[in-house]
Amino acid sequence: MSKIVYFQCPTGISGDMCLGALVSLGVSIEYLIENLNKLGIAQEYKLWNELVNRNLQQATKVHVDLLDNHHHHHGRHLPEIERIIESAGLPQKAEVWSLAIFRQLAVAEGAVHGIAPEKVHFHEVGAVDAIVDIVGTCLGLDWLDIDSNDQGLPLLYCSKLPTGGGIVRAAHGMMTVPVPAVLKLWEMRNCPVYSNGIERELVTPTGAAIVTALATEFGSPPDMTLEKVGLGAGNLDLPISNILRIWLGETIQKPVNFHRSSIAEYNKINHQFENDIKHNYQNNSSPYLENISVLETQIDDISPQAIGYIFEALFAVGAVDVFTQAVGMKKSRPGILLTVICEPENLVKCETVLFRETTTLGIRRLTQQRAVLQREIQQLETEYGKVKVKVAWRGTMKNKTITNVHPEYADCAELAQKYGISWQEIHRLALQSWYAKNPQK
């Protein structure tokens, strides 16, 4: 088994959030200060931590305060930063990982400005706080004894990253978020990104450099035995808890010897099924697995007339499905359980609608996996007019097995009303027309 970490970044990532999460995991702040002092810049900053609340959730905030009683650099070039790190006598892994992060950042900044990496003047990201954030993060990962992969990098996995939005002030003036260096870092690693609807700077160049330089993979958590979760607080107050969560654990070692051959055979088949699902997803086959968000809340004090409006509002912001169930609530009150299914990137938008349009005071969040068939919309002619048909299949585009053919309700209803015949008849004719053109299906 190998010791690994997973960075869960619902509100992005920055260097100080990494430090906070690592200290929350148990990394000693005194250990960080002792080793960071070896960089020779201790007179330029003060490092300290505290517990704070972000949306009623406690997390660790690490501060890097620049001191004003001396002259310090406003920016550094890559060769100078490399000399500082290489001459500090840091633990070997921390040194290697820190250099990798700064070199990654230099390549990105150089590409943005059209200059060689060693000519990049880092401004904020080369300033004292970023050096402390990056080297401190690597010291923390080494302290946790995270294992290395074949490239000598830590076994670090990272979630998809939120894009953020809006405008931020930087050394080069006002810049659109994501700032160019962050975009370039994402491009260099083909990072999966999404919008969570929050128009602020969520991923800083330092945070992006850390994960794009070190992460083995981006996406869902790897199979692991979870030991502890560290919570690192960001600076901003956001609609959701501004916290980076670092999961610490070990890879799962699958048993190879069984007393009962039937159990071994079952696990073998199940493992093959999981591999087939992953292969199908990577090769645009069907079915494939995807993560989906589920929001739930019970309501007993809202007019039933509002429910239809709430449905429309949720679908307008990207809900995949919305449904209600009758439930009995406290004091024997009849109520409804309102459930919303949405893509993870639309979670905040759907949650905002629920808080705005209902009387709920709390919403449960779940992340689930679902197996999804590939589907497409085809349009066909019937004797009464055009009807769209949703066709779903298993397998690949070249080798399909049709599993479901379903005429669109709205098209059938429109033709039924127009010609004064039953909806079922239009539905039947549409299916008949599709199968007549696809007899092999």
Foldseek 3Di string as FASTA:
>chain_A
DFKEKEKEALLADDLQLLLFQLVQVPDDPVVLLVLVVLLVCNLFWDWDKDWDDAPNDITIGIDTGGDDPDDFDQWDFLVVLLCSLVRSPHPPLLSVLLNLLLQLLLVLQCVVVVHHSRPDTGGPCRGDVNSSSSSSSRSSCVVVVFDADPVSFGAYEYEAGEFAWDWDQDPVGIATTVGRSLVSLCVVQVGHYFHLPHRDRRYDNSTSSSCSRHYPYYHDDAAWDFDDKHWGQDDDRDPDGRIIIMTITGHDDDDDDDPDVVVVVVVVVVVVVVVVQVVCVVVVFFFHKDKKKKKKDKDQPDDPVLPVVLQVQLVVLFWPDKDWDWDQDPPRGIIIMIMTIGHNSSVVVNVVSCVVRGPDPDMDMDMDMDTDFDWDWDWDAFPQGIWIKIWTFGTDPVDTDTDDIFTDQVVLVVSCVVVVHDSVVSRVRVVVRVCVVVVVD
